[in-house]
C-alpha atoms as a PDB file:
ATOM      1  CA  UNK A   1     302.334  28.811  32.287  1.00  0.00           C
ATOM      2  CA  UNK A   2     303.936  32.217  31.539  1.00  0.00           C
ATOM      3  CA  UNK A   3     301.979  35.494  32.052  1.00  0.00           C
ATOM      4  CA  UNK A   4     301.783  35.912  28.273  1.00  0.00           C
ATOM      5  CA  UNK A   5     300.324  32.434  27.847  1.00  0.00           C
ATOM      6  CA  UNK A   6     297.867  33.007  30.674  1.00  0.00           C
ATOM      7  CA  UNK A   7     296.726  36.181  28.957  1.00  0.00           C
ATOM      8  CA  UNK A   8     296.335  34.487  25.593  1.00  0.00           C
ATOM      9  CA  UNK A   9     294.469  31.625  27.238  1.00  0.00           C
ATOM     10  CA  UNK A  10     292.100  34.072  28.901  1.00  0.00           C
ATOM     11  CA  UNK A  11     291.467  35.893  25.623  1.00  0.00           C
ATOM     12  CA  UNK A  12     290.851  32.582  23.875  1.00  0.00           C
ATOM     13  CA  UNK A  13     288.328  31.528  26.529  1.00  0.00           C
ATOM     14  CA  UNK A  14     286.545  34.900  26.287  1.00  0.00           C
ATOM     15  CA  UNK A  15     286.486  34.853  22.461  1.00  0.00           C
ATOM     16  CA  UNK A  16     285.205  31.281  22.326  1.00  0.00           C
ATOM     17  CA  UNK A  17     282.605  32.032  24.986  1.00  0.00           C
ATOM     18  CA  UNK A  18     281.261  35.039  23.110  1.00  0.00           C
ATOM     19  CA  UNK A  19     281.138  33.056  19.866  1.00  0.00           C
ATOM     20  CA  UNK A  20     279.283  30.225  21.597  1.00  0.00           C
ATOM     21  CA  UNK A  21     276.834  32.605  23.267  1.00  0.00           C
ATOM     22  CA  UNK A  22     275.910  34.122  19.908  1.00  0.00           C
ATOM     23  CA  UNK A  23     275.168  30.750  18.292  1.00  0.00           C
ATOM     24  CA  UNK A  24     273.883  28.668  21.201  1.00  0.00           C
ATOM     25  CA  UNK A  25     271.788  25.727  20.035  1.00  0.00           C
ATOM     26  CA  UNK A  26     270.598  24.372  23.354  1.00  0.00           C
ATOM     27  CA  UNK A  27     267.564  22.122  22.958  1.00  0.00           C
ATOM     28  CA  UNK A  28     264.153  23.646  23.699  1.00  0.00           C
ATOM     29  CA  UNK A  29     263.376  20.509  25.679  1.00  0.00           C
ATOM     30  CA  UNK A  30     264.885  17.173  26.582  1.00  0.00           C
ATOM     31  CA  UNK A  31     262.989  13.970  26.006  1.00  0.00           C
ATOM     32  CA  UNK A  32     262.433  11.757  29.014  1.00  0.00           C
ATOM     33  CA  UNK A  33     265.091   9.404  27.667  1.00  0.00           C
ATOM     34  CA  UNK A  34     267.583  12.244  27.157  1.00  0.00           C
ATOM     35  CA  UNK A  35     266.950  13.615  30.657  1.00  0.00           C
ATOM     36  CA  UNK A  36     267.493  10.236  32.313  1.00  0.00           C
ATOM     37  CA  UNK A  37     270.504   9.515  30.148  1.00  0.00           C
ATOM     38  CA  UNK A  38     272.136  12.778  31.265  1.00  0.00           C
ATOM     39  CA  UNK A  39     271.388  11.991  34.903  1.00  0.00           C
ATOM     40  CA  UNK A  40     272.989   8.580  34.472  1.00  0.00           C
ATOM     41  CA  UNK A  41     275.953   9.239  32.215  1.00  0.00           C
ATOM     42  CA  UNK A  42     277.107  12.581  33.648  1.00  0.00           C
ATOM     43  CA  UNK A  43     276.877  11.503  37.283  1.00  0.00           C
ATOM     44  CA  UNK A  44     279.596  10.060  39.493  1.00  0.00           C
ATOM     45  CA  UNK A  45     279.216   7.509  42.322  1.00  0.00           C
ATOM     46  CA  UNK A  46     277.232   8.552  45.391  1.00  0.00           C
ATOM     47  CA  UNK A  47     279.367  10.353  47.962  1.00  0.00           C
ATOM     48  CA  UNK A  48     279.102  11.351  51.610  1.00  0.00           C
ATOM     49  CA  UNK A  49     278.652  14.620  53.449  1.00  0.00           C
ATOM     50  CA  UNK A  50     278.127  15.383  57.119  1.00  0.00           C
ATOM     51  CA  UNK A  51     274.496  16.433  56.671  1.00  0.00           C
ATOM     52  CA  UNK A  52     271.510  16.148  54.341  1.00  0.00           C
ATOM     53  CA  UNK A  53     270.569  19.636  53.209  1.00  0.00           C
ATOM     54  CA  UNK A  54     266.846  19.485  52.482  1.00  0.00           C
ATOM     55  CA  UNK A  55     266.610  23.283  52.643  1.00  0.00           C
ATOM     56  CA  UNK A  56     269.150  26.063  52.429  1.00  0.00           C
ATOM     57  CA  UNK A  57     270.643  27.933  55.391  1.00  0.00           C
ATOM     58  CA  UNK A  58     271.614  31.053  53.400  1.00  0.00           C
ATOM     59  CA  UNK A  59     269.026  33.676  54.335  1.00  0.00           C
ATOM     60  CA  UNK A  60     270.908  36.411  52.419  1.00  0.00           C
ATOM     61  CA  UNK A  61     271.109  34.439  49.179  1.00  0.00           C
ATOM     62  CA  UNK A  62     269.062  37.010  47.259  1.00  0.00           C
ATOM     63  CA  UNK A  63     271.389  39.913  48.092  1.00  0.00           C
ATOM     64  CA  UNK A  64     273.589  39.238  45.049  1.00  0.00           C
ATOM     65  CA  UNK A  65     270.738  39.006  42.551  1.00  0.00           C
ATOM     66  CA  UNK A  66     270.545  42.689  41.521  1.00  0.00           C
ATOM     67  CA  UNK A  67     274.251  42.671  40.638  1.00  0.00           C
ATOM     68  CA  UNK A  68     274.009  39.186  39.160  1.00  0.00           C
ATOM     69  CA  UNK A  69     271.336  40.167  36.636  1.00  0.00           C
ATOM     70  CA  UNK A  70     273.306  43.301  35.762  1.00  0.00           C
ATOM     71  CA  UNK A  71     276.505  41.358  35.139  1.00  0.00           C
ATOM     72  CA  UNK A  72     275.211  38.176  33.475  1.00  0.00           C
ATOM     73  CA  UNK A  73     273.319  37.939  30.218  1.00  0.00           C
ATOM     74  CA  UNK A  74     270.043  36.008  30.433  1.00  0.00           C
ATOM     75  CA  UNK A  75     270.031  32.477  29.104  1.00  0.00           C
ATOM     76  CA  UNK A  76     272.944  30.084  29.054  1.00  0.00           C
ATOM     77  CA  UNK A  77     273.710  27.070  31.207  1.00  0.00           C
ATOM     78  CA  UNK A  78     273.507  27.275  34.995  1.00  0.00           C
ATOM     79  CA  UNK A  79     275.349  24.988  37.409  1.00  0.00           C
ATOM     80  CA  UNK A  80     274.425  24.854  41.075  1.00  0.00           C
ATOM     81  CA  UNK A  81     274.561  22.784  44.227  1.00  0.00           C
ATOM     82  CA  UNK A  82     272.166  21.971  47.028  1.00  0.00           C
ATOM     83  CA  UNK A  83     268.410  22.379  47.430  1.00  0.00           C
ATOM     84  CA  UNK A  84     265.762  24.983  46.578  1.00  0.00           C
ATOM     85  CA  UNK A  85     267.825  28.196  46.369  1.00  0.00           C
ATOM     86  CA  UNK A  86     268.906  27.081  42.904  1.00  0.00           C
ATOM     87  CA  UNK A  87     265.391  27.718  41.579  1.00  0.00           C
ATOM     88  CA  UNK A  88     265.677  31.377  42.561  1.00  0.00           C
ATOM     89  CA  UNK A  89     269.007  31.846  40.758  1.00  0.00           C
ATOM     90  CA  UNK A  90     267.772  29.926  37.704  1.00  0.00           C
ATOM     91  CA  UNK A  91     264.702  32.161  37.454  1.00  0.00           C
ATOM     92  CA  UNK A  92     266.695  35.363  37.977  1.00  0.00           C
ATOM     93  CA  UNK A  93     269.151  34.393  35.226  1.00  0.00           C
ATOM     94  CA  UNK A  94     266.413  33.158  32.877  1.00  0.00           C
ATOM     95  CA  UNK A  95     268.564  30.062  32.352  1.00  0.00           C
ATOM     96  CA  UNK A  96     267.904  27.884  29.322  1.00  0.00           C
ATOM     97  CA  UNK A  97     269.265  24.758  30.981  1.00  0.00           C
ATOM     98  CA  UNK A  98     270.406  23.969  34.512  1.00  0.00           C
ATOM     99  CA  UNK A  99     272.443  21.224  36.167  1.00  0.00           C
ATOM    100  CA  UNK A 100     272.257  20.736  39.939  1.00  0.00           C
ATOM    101  CA  UNK A 101     275.415  18.901  41.052  1.00  0.00           C
ATOM    102  CA  UNK A 102     275.753  17.454  44.538  1.00  0.00           C
ATOM    103  CA  UNK A 103     277.932  14.697  45.974  1.00  0.00           C
ATOM    104  CA  UNK A 104     274.878  13.206  47.719  1.00  0.00           C
ATOM    105  CA  UNK A 105     272.452  11.134  45.682  1.00  0.00           C
ATOM    106  CA  UNK A 106     269.811  12.211  48.171  1.00  0.00           C
ATOM    107  CA  UNK A 107     270.028  15.721  46.741  1.00  0.00           C
ATOM    108  CA  UNK A 108     269.257  14.372  43.254  1.00  0.00           C
ATOM    109  CA  UNK A 109     266.257  12.563  44.738  1.00  0.00           C
ATOM    110  CA  UNK A 110     265.159  15.794  46.415  1.00  0.00           C
ATOM    111  CA  UNK A 111     265.201  17.511  43.026  1.00  0.00           C
ATOM    112  CA  UNK A 112     263.277  14.657  41.411  1.00  0.00           C
ATOM    113  CA  UNK A 113     260.641  15.194  44.106  1.00  0.00           C
ATOM    114  CA  UNK A 114     260.603  18.914  43.342  1.00  0.00           C
ATOM    115  CA  UNK A 115     260.353  18.181  39.614  1.00  0.00           C
ATOM    116  CA  UNK A 116     257.206  16.128  40.117  1.00  0.00           C
ATOM    117  CA  UNK A 117     255.668  18.702  42.453  1.00  0.00           C
ATOM    118  CA  UNK A 118     256.309  21.589  40.058  1.00  0.00           C
ATOM    119  CA  UNK A 119     254.701  19.636  37.239  1.00  0.00           C
ATOM    120  CA  UNK A 120     251.681  18.642  39.350  1.00  0.00           C
ATOM    121  CA  UNK A 121     251.009  22.094  40.813  1.00  0.00           C
ATOM    122  CA  UNK A 122     248.876  24.775  39.195  1.00  0.00           C
ATOM    123  CA  UNK A 123     250.240  27.757  41.127  1.00  0.00           C
ATOM    124  CA  UNK A 124     252.369  28.718  44.143  1.00  0.00           C
ATOM    125  CA  UNK A 125     249.755  27.980  46.803  1.00  0.00           C
ATOM    126  CA  UNK A 126     249.022  24.616  45.223  1.00  0.00           C
ATOM    127  CA  UNK A 127     252.768  23.871  45.156  1.00  0.00           C
ATOM    128  CA  UNK A 128     253.203  24.715  48.861  1.00  0.00           C
ATOM    129  CA  UNK A 129     250.087  22.710  49.706  1.00  0.00           C
ATOM    130  CA  UNK A 130     251.458  19.625  47.975  1.00  0.00           C
ATOM    131  CA  UNK A 131     254.997  20.098  49.304  1.00  0.00           C
ATOM    132  CA  UNK A 132     253.860  20.348  52.927  1.00  0.00           C
ATOM    133  CA  UNK A 133     250.862  17.948  52.738  1.00  0.00           C
ATOM    134  CA  UNK A 134     248.531  20.613  54.045  1.00  0.00           C
ATOM    135  CA  UNK A 135     245.163  21.659  52.604  1.00  0.00           C
ATOM    136  CA  UNK A 136     245.216  24.982  50.809  1.00  0.00           C
ATOM    137  CA  UNK A 137     243.916  27.785  53.068  1.00  0.00           C
ATOM    138  CA  UNK A 138     241.093  29.952  51.784  1.00  0.00           C
ATOM    139  CA  UNK A 139     241.858  33.434  50.499  1.00  0.00           C
ATOM    140  CA  UNK A 140     245.212  32.847  48.793  1.00  0.00           C
ATOM    141  CA  UNK A 141     245.363  34.339  45.304  1.00  0.00           C
ATOM    142  CA  UNK A 142     247.847  34.964  42.511  1.00  0.00           C
ATOM    143  CA  UNK A 143     248.701  38.268  44.216  1.00  0.00           C
ATOM    144  CA  UNK A 144     249.450  36.781  47.643  1.00  0.00           C
ATOM    145  CA  UNK A 145     252.989  37.429  48.850  1.00  0.00           C
ATOM    146  CA  UNK A 146     255.267  34.646  50.131  1.00  0.00           C
ATOM    147  CA  UNK A 147     254.769  36.039  53.650  1.00  0.00           C
ATOM    148  CA  UNK A 148     250.995  35.722  53.243  1.00  0.00           C
ATOM    149  CA  UNK A 149     251.221  32.244  51.708  1.00  0.00           C
ATOM    150  CA  UNK A 150     253.482  30.779  54.375  1.00  0.00           C
ATOM    151  CA  UNK A 151     251.689  32.628  57.156  1.00  0.00           C
ATOM    152  CA  UNK A 152     248.463  30.995  56.050  1.00  0.00           C
ATOM    153  CA  UNK A 153     249.990  27.518  55.833  1.00  0.00           C
ATOM    154  CA  UNK A 154     251.693  27.852  59.233  1.00  0.00           C
ATOM    155  CA  UNK A 155     248.321  27.427  60.986  1.00  0.00           C
ATOM    156  CA  UNK A 156     247.151  24.428  58.916  1.00  0.00           C
ATOM    157  CA  UNK A 157     247.579  20.902  60.285  1.00  0.00           C
ATOM    158  CA  UNK A 158     249.264  18.278  58.088  1.00  0.00           C
ATOM    159  CA  UNK A 159     247.058  15.751  56.361  1.00  0.00           C
ATOM    160  CA  UNK A 160     248.114  12.107  56.197  1.00  0.00           C
ATOM    161  CA  UNK A 161     245.569  11.618  53.427  1.00  0.00           C
ATOM    162  CA  UNK A 162     247.307  14.305  51.387  1.00  0.00           C
ATOM    163  CA  UNK A 163     250.678  12.795  52.237  1.00  0.00           C
ATOM    164  CA  UNK A 164     249.751   9.412  50.819  1.00  0.00           C
ATOM    165  CA  UNK A 165     247.928  10.825  47.796  1.00  0.00           C
ATOM    166  CA  UNK A 166     250.805  13.131  46.873  1.00  0.00           C
ATOM    167  CA  UNK A 167     253.408  10.407  47.323  1.00  0.00           C
ATOM    168  CA  UNK A 168     251.407   8.239  44.922  1.00  0.00           C
ATOM    169  CA  UNK A 169     251.187  11.170  42.476  1.00  0.00           C
ATOM    170  CA  UNK A 170     254.945  11.773  42.680  1.00  0.00           C
ATOM    171  CA  UNK A 171     255.711   8.112  41.988  1.00  0.00           C
ATOM    172  CA  UNK A 172     253.254   8.102  39.092  1.00  0.00           C
ATOM    173  CA  UNK A 173     254.700  11.298  37.622  1.00  0.00           C
ATOM    174  CA  UNK A 174     258.256   9.998  37.678  1.00  0.00           C
ATOM    175  CA  UNK A 175     257.751   6.312  36.890  1.00  0.00           C
ATOM    176  CA  UNK A 176     254.644   6.280  34.687  1.00  0.00           C
ATOM    177  CA  UNK A 177     254.300   9.711  33.082  1.00  0.00           C
ATOM    178  CA  UNK A 178     258.037  10.231  32.474  1.00  0.00           C
ATOM    179  CA  UNK A 179     258.816   6.519  32.399  1.00  0.00           C
ATOM    180  CA  UNK A 180     262.057   7.054  34.318  1.00  0.00           C
ATOM    181  CA  UNK A 181     263.574   3.685  35.318  1.00  0.00           C
ATOM    182  CA  UNK A 182     263.947   4.986  38.842  1.00  0.00           C
ATOM    183  CA  UNK A 183     265.281   2.512  41.397  1.00  0.00           C
ATOM    184  CA  UNK A 184     263.488   1.434  44.534  1.00  0.00           C
ATOM    185  CA  UNK A 185     266.186   3.013  46.724  1.00  0.00           C
ATOM    186  CA  UNK A 186     265.595   6.386  45.072  1.00  0.00           C
ATOM    187  CA  UNK A 187     261.838   6.111  45.538  1.00  0.00           C
ATOM    188  CA  UNK A 188     262.382   5.220  49.195  1.00  0.00           C
ATOM    189  CA  UNK A 189     264.612   8.266  49.703  1.00  0.00           C
ATOM    190  CA  UNK A 190     262.076  10.521  47.966  1.00  0.00           C
ATOM    191  CA  UNK A 191     259.388   9.242  50.335  1.00  0.00           C
ATOM    192  CA  UNK A 192     261.646   9.808  53.362  1.00  0.00           C
ATOM    193  CA  UNK A 193     262.460  13.350  52.205  1.00  0.00           C
ATOM    194  CA  UNK A 194     258.809  14.123  51.529  1.00  0.00           C
ATOM    195  CA  UNK A 195     257.828  12.921  55.017  1.00  0.00           C
ATOM    196  CA  UNK A 196     260.255  15.421  56.573  1.00  0.00           C
ATOM    197  CA  UNK A 197     258.390  18.273  54.868  1.00  0.00           C
ATOM    198  CA  UNK A 198     255.109  16.704  56.020  1.00  0.00           C
ATOM    199  CA  UNK A 199     256.276  16.570  59.639  1.00  0.00           C
ATOM    200  CA  UNK A 200     258.080  19.916  59.873  1.00  0.00           C
ATOM    201  CA  UNK A 201     255.900  22.005  57.580  1.00  0.00           C
ATOM    202  CA  UNK A 202     256.835  25.660  57.229  1.00  0.00           C
ATOM    203  CA  UNK A 203     259.363  25.318  60.078  1.00  0.00           C
ATOM    204  CA  UNK A 204     261.676  22.856  58.363  1.00  0.00           C
ATOM    205  CA  UNK A 205     265.326  23.968  58.710  1.00  0.00           C
ATOM    206  CA  UNK A 206     268.762  23.024  57.450  1.00  0.00           C
ATOM    207  CA  UNK A 207     269.464  21.696  60.923  1.00  0.00           C
ATOM    208  CA  UNK A 208     266.693  19.966  62.922  1.00  0.00           C
ATOM    209  CA  UNK A 209     268.175  21.528  66.050  1.00  0.00           C
ATOM    210  CA  UNK A 210     267.581  25.113  64.917  1.00  0.00           C
ATOM    211  CA  UNK A 211     271.248  26.064  64.837  1.00  0.00           C
ATOM    212  CA  UNK A 212     274.384  24.885  63.095  1.00  0.00           C
ATOM    213  CA  UNK A 213     277.960  25.970  63.721  1.00  0.00           C
ATOM    214  CA  UNK A 214     276.770  28.451  66.349  1.00  0.00           C
ATOM    215  CA  UNK A 215     274.460  30.263  63.926  1.00  0.00           C
ATOM    216  CA  UNK A 216     270.669  30.233  64.060  1.00  0.00           C
ATOM    217  CA  UNK A 217     269.221  28.561  60.970  1.00  0.00           C
ATOM    218  CA  UNK A 218     266.339  30.145  59.028  1.00  0.00           C
ATOM    219  CA  UNK A 219     263.140  28.201  58.586  1.00  0.00           C
ATOM    220  CA  UNK A 220     261.795  27.308  55.145  1.00  0.00           C
ATOM    221  CA  UNK A 221     259.122  29.980  55.583  1.00  0.00           C
ATOM    222  CA  UNK A 222     261.792  32.586  56.373  1.00  0.00           C
ATOM    223  CA  UNK A 223     263.845  31.553  53.340  1.00  0.00           C
ATOM    224  CA  UNK A 224     260.808  31.888  51.059  1.00  0.00           C
ATOM    225  CA  UNK A 225     259.944  35.299  52.549  1.00  0.00           C
ATOM    226  CA  UNK A 226     263.531  36.597  52.155  1.00  0.00           C
ATOM    227  CA  UNK A 227     264.330  39.583  49.936  1.00  0.00           C
ATOM    228  CA  UNK A 228     267.323  41.362  48.487  1.00  0.00           C
ATOM    229  CA  UNK A 229     268.928  44.204  50.443  1.00  0.00           C
ATOM    230  CA  UNK A 230     266.419  46.713  49.064  1.00  0.00           C
ATOM    231  CA  UNK A 231     263.473  44.664  50.275  1.00  0.00           C
ATOM    232  CA  UNK A 232     262.447  43.279  46.885  1.00  0.00           C
ATOM    233  CA  UNK A 233     261.307  39.654  46.908  1.00  0.00           C
ATOM    234  CA  UNK A 234     263.148  37.740  44.201  1.00  0.00           C
ATOM    235  CA  UNK A 235     262.617  34.131  45.302  1.00  0.00           C
ATOM    236  CA  UNK A 236     261.122  31.488  43.047  1.00  0.00           C
ATOM    237  CA  UNK A 237     257.868  31.778  45.021  1.00  0.00           C
ATOM    238  CA  UNK A 238     257.869  35.596  45.010  1.00  0.00           C
ATOM    239  CA  UNK A 239     255.203  35.762  42.307  1.00  0.00           C
ATOM    240  CA  UNK A 240     253.345  33.548  39.867  1.00  0.00           C
ATOM    241  CA  UNK A 241     255.527  34.515  36.895  1.00  0.00           C
ATOM    242  CA  UNK A 242     258.724  33.371  38.623  1.00  0.00           C
ATOM    243  CA  UNK A 243     257.107  30.128  39.749  1.00  0.00           C
ATOM    244  CA  UNK A 244     255.778  29.537  36.213  1.00  0.00           C
ATOM    245  CA  UNK A 245     259.271  30.029  34.736  1.00  0.00           C
ATOM    246  CA  UNK A 246     260.741  27.254  36.891  1.00  0.00           C
ATOM    247  CA  UNK A 247     257.688  25.026  36.350  1.00  0.00           C
ATOM    248  CA  UNK A 248     258.090  25.398  32.579  1.00  0.00           C
ATOM    249  CA  UNK A 249     261.767  24.369  32.720  1.00  0.00           C
ATOM    250  CA  UNK A 250     260.845  21.333  34.814  1.00  0.00           C
ATOM    251  CA  UNK A 251     258.113  20.353  32.363  1.00  0.00           C
ATOM    252  CA  UNK A 252     260.626  20.521  29.519  1.00  0.00           C
ATOM    253  CA  UNK A 253     263.142  18.419  31.498  1.00  0.00           C
ATOM    254  CA  UNK A 254     265.663  21.277  31.525  1.00  0.00           C
ATOM    255  CA  UNK A 255     266.647  21.172  35.208  1.00  0.00           C
ATOM    256  CA  UNK A 256     268.845  18.089  35.504  1.00  0.00           C
ATOM    257  CA  UNK A 257     270.023  16.856  38.926  1.00  0.00           C
ATOM    258  CA  UNK A 258     273.365  15.063  38.951  1.00  0.00           C
ATOM    259  CA  UNK A 259     275.434  13.186  41.507  1.00  0.00           C
ATOM    260  CA  UNK A 260     278.929  14.576  41.329  1.00  0.00           C
ATOM    261  CA  UNK A 261     281.991  15.784  43.198  1.00  0.00           C
ATOM    262  CA  UNK A 262     283.152  19.289  42.239  1.00  0.00           C
ATOM    263  CA  UNK A 263     286.699  17.931  42.345  1.00  0.00           C
ATOM    264  CA  UNK A 264     285.808  14.658  40.669  1.00  0.00           C
ATOM    265  CA  UNK A 265     287.119  13.537  37.282  1.00  0.00           C
ATOM    266  CA  UNK A 266     283.829  13.387  35.411  1.00  0.00           C
ATOM    267  CA  UNK A 267     280.709  15.430  36.170  1.00  0.00           C
ATOM    268  CA  UNK A 268     281.812  19.069  35.931  1.00  0.00           C
ATOM    269  CA  UNK A 269     283.890  18.363  32.830  1.00  0.00           C
ATOM    270  CA  UNK A 270     281.005  16.423  31.259  1.00  0.00           C
ATOM    271  CA  UNK A 271     278.722  19.430  31.754  1.00  0.00           C
ATOM    272  CA  UNK A 272     281.281  21.559  29.919  1.00  0.00           C
ATOM    273  CA  UNK A 273     281.459  19.062  27.076  1.00  0.00           C
ATOM    274  CA  UNK A 274     277.653  18.981  26.827  1.00  0.00           C
ATOM    275  CA  UNK A 275     277.476  22.791  26.707  1.00  0.00           C
ATOM    276  CA  UNK A 276     280.147  22.944  24.003  1.00  0.00           C
ATOM    277  CA  UNK A 277     278.256  20.402  21.921  1.00  0.00           C
ATOM    278  CA  UNK A 278     275.428  22.932  21.705  1.00  0.00           C
ATOM    279  CA  UNK A 279     277.722  25.959  21.428  1.00  0.00           C
ATOM    280  CA  UNK A 280     276.524  27.201  24.809  1.00  0.00           C
ATOM    281  CA  UNK A 281     278.382  28.752  27.744  1.00  0.00           C
ATOM    282  CA  UNK A 282     278.142  28.615  31.521  1.00  0.00           C
ATOM    283  CA  UNK A 283     276.408  31.752  32.765  1.00  0.00           C
ATOM    284  CA  UNK A 284     276.772  31.092  36.498  1.00  0.00           C
ATOM    285  CA  UNK A 285     278.103  28.462  38.874  1.00  0.00           C
ATOM    286  CA  UNK A 286     276.550  28.570  42.336  1.00  0.00           C
ATOM    287  CA  UNK A 287     279.094  26.790  44.534  1.00  0.00           C
ATOM    288  CA  UNK A 288     277.700  27.805  47.943  1.00  0.00           C
ATOM    289  CA  UNK A 289     280.541  27.127  50.430  1.00  0.00           C
ATOM    290  CA  UNK A 290     281.615  23.806  48.914  1.00  0.00           C
ATOM    291  CA  UNK A 291     285.159  25.069  48.361  1.00  0.00           C
ATOM    292  CA  UNK A 292     285.666  24.985  52.146  1.00  0.00           C
ATOM    293  CA  UNK A 293     285.616  21.208  51.817  1.00  0.00           C
ATOM    294  CA  UNK A 294     288.074  21.028  48.919  1.00  0.00           C
ATOM    295  CA  UNK A 295     291.543  21.522  50.412  1.00  0.00           C
ATOM    296  CA  UNK A 296     294.838  20.875  48.698  1.00  0.00           C
ATOM    297  CA  UNK A 297     294.702  18.644  45.650  1.00  0.00           C
ATOM    298  CA  UNK A 298     290.898  18.566  45.697  1.00  0.00           C
ATOM    299  CA  UNK A 299     290.836  22.348  45.366  1.00  0.00           C
ATOM    300  CA  UNK A 300     293.321  22.221  42.501  1.00  0.00           C
ATOM    301  CA  UNK A 301     291.233  19.549  40.790  1.00  0.00           C
ATOM    302  CA  UNK A 302     288.141  21.724  41.113  1.00  0.00           C
ATOM    303  CA  UNK A 303     290.047  24.638  39.594  1.00  0.00           C
ATOM    304  CA  UNK A 304     291.099  22.447  36.705  1.00  0.00           C
ATOM    305  CA  UNK A 305     287.498  21.343  36.207  1.00  0.00           C
ATOM    306  CA  UNK A 306     286.327  24.957  36.148  1.00  0.00           C
ATOM    307  CA  UNK A 307     289.026  25.800  33.622  1.00  0.00           C
ATOM    308  CA  UNK A 308     287.549  23.157  31.304  1.00  0.00           C
ATOM    309  CA  UNK A 309     284.147  24.893  31.141  1.00  0.00           C
ATOM    310  CA  UNK A 310     283.116  27.165  28.245  1.00  0.00           C
ATOM    311  CA  UNK A 311     283.060  30.627  29.864  1.00  0.00           C
ATOM    312  CA  UNK A 312     282.538  34.259  28.902  1.00  0.00           C
ATOM    313  CA  UNK A 313     283.455  37.510  30.640  1.00  0.00           C
ATOM    314  CA  UNK A 314     279.915  37.419  32.078  1.00  0.00           C
ATOM    315  CA  UNK A 315     280.272  33.998  33.717  1.00  0.00           C
ATOM    316  CA  UNK A 316     280.001  34.305  37.511  1.00  0.00           C
ATOM    317  CA  UNK A 317     280.666  32.237  40.573  1.00  0.00           C
ATOM    318  CA  UNK A 318     278.038  32.653  43.291  1.00  0.00           C
ATOM    319  CA  UNK A 319     279.615  31.857  46.642  1.00  0.00           C
ATOM    320  CA  UNK A 320     278.363  31.706  50.220  1.00  0.00           C
ATOM    321  CA  UNK A 321     280.986  33.246  52.486  1.00  0.00           C
ATOM    322  CA  UNK A 322     280.853  32.966  56.261  1.00  0.00           C
ATOM    323  CA  UNK A 323     280.272  36.407  57.740  1.00  0.00           C
ATOM    324  CA  UNK A 324     280.453  39.844  56.147  1.00  0.00           C
ATOM    325  CA  UNK A 325     283.993  41.236  56.108  1.00  0.00           C
ATOM    326  CA  UNK A 326     282.554  44.761  55.911  1.00  0.00           C
ATOM    327  CA  UNK A 327     280.010  44.346  58.696  1.00  0.00           C
ATOM    328  CA  UNK A 328     280.954  42.181  61.673  1.00  0.00           C
ATOM    329  CA  UNK A 329     277.376  42.341  62.993  1.00  0.00           C
ATOM    330  CA  UNK A 330     276.111  40.278  60.063  1.00  0.00           C
ATOM    331  CA  UNK A 331     275.881  36.613  61.013  1.00  0.00           C
ATOM    332  CA  UNK A 332     275.736  33.520  58.853  1.00  0.00           C
ATOM    333  CA  UNK A 333     276.515  33.273  55.175  1.00  0.00           C
ATOM    334  CA  UNK A 334     276.751  36.236  52.840  1.00  0.00           C
ATOM    335  CA  UNK A 335     276.609  35.450  49.133  1.00  0.00           C
ATOM    336  CA  UNK A 336     279.157  37.035  46.821  1.00  0.00           C
ATOM    337  CA  UNK A 337     279.960  37.079  43.106  1.00  0.00           C
ATOM    338  CA  UNK A 338     283.316  36.437  41.410  1.00  0.00           C
ATOM    339  CA  UNK A 339     284.128  36.434  37.667  1.00  0.00           C
ATOM    340  CA  UNK A 340     284.912  32.895  36.561  1.00  0.00           C
ATOM    341  CA  UNK A 341     287.315  34.039  33.829  1.00  0.00           C
ATOM    342  CA  UNK A 342     289.589  35.703  36.391  1.00  0.00           C
ATOM    343  CA  UNK A 343     289.598  32.596  38.533  1.00  0.00           C
ATOM    344  CA  UNK A 344     290.242  30.423  35.501  1.00  0.00           C
ATOM    345  CA  UNK A 345     293.390  32.444  34.779  1.00  0.00           C
ATOM    346  CA  UNK A 346     294.623  32.029  38.329  1.00  0.00           C
ATOM    347  CA  UNK A 347     293.748  28.355  38.239  1.00  0.00           C
ATOM    348  CA  UNK A 348     295.798  27.873  35.070  1.00  0.00           C
ATOM    349  CA  UNK A 349     298.798  29.489  36.755  1.00  0.00           C
ATOM    350  CA  UNK A 350     298.564  27.230  39.802  1.00  0.00           C
ATOM    351  CA  UNK A 351     298.157  24.061  37.778  1.00  0.00           C
ATOM    352  CA  UNK A 352     301.188  24.749  35.623  1.00  0.00           C
ATOM    353  CA  UNK A 353     303.289  25.318  38.705  1.00  0.00           C
ATOM    354  CA  UNK A 354     301.973  22.220  40.510  1.00  0.00           C
END
């Protein structure tokens, strides 16, 4: 593709994205049938990864949020990967619809578990109580901070009675209330995932050994108590309003977990086609560090998939990069933003040459 054609392509993508953003017709809710149909038809076969990420290991994931909300218009379609950190980005962006794409079917089951728990819970403390199978401590209110909430739960013993009751409520919510034709294997995985939270409580980590790749892993409590660089808590459990935003999306079936490979032939492109059908655009794509695992042709395929999405000049990648190039003392992942339009242009150049 010549430089002139790349430029025209970029302008066309920007113009189409702006036009779509102005006339977006995304549904206010998805029926149970529509939700399950999207999960089924947009997904690819179950894949493998070297670990099951039940919680994030990116303690600095909120650092990009101030810039993210400055750069990206609220609303639009969000794409993400992995576990609970997606809820924080979805709430910050005020997304109208979100797709969580992961190569592991277990991650989709994790998000089905979360869906049921959001819908069953009245507030943040109730949500944490159900998630960890621990009775709600006295004194927690709508004004309690995440530090106070998780500090209180850290001293509470798990309850097997709560475990069994909540598992039954999750199954009922998914199979009876929503009438999802969920398979026995999925229900078994949801139970196995839920038991990990029951056993580990507030100390659950990405790695059960406390470290991964030479870096200490944050606990779930530490992730929920994290802030941006200015000390402002922006997580999905930071306050009742943020929790209620995510709960409302879950109740309207607007957070859809998918099984898919970023470099695969179907899922990412199908999300783009769905967004175009409703004249919507992708506001952000949280890719974590998945691109590390997409060398060579897989990386080029991912680029091609990204190029197929309806984008605007506001559309942003959210990446987790190992280490801080500006501060060698910073360990672990540092999250960064990158304009998707710019990367789409570069992707188009590489594809035409390959």
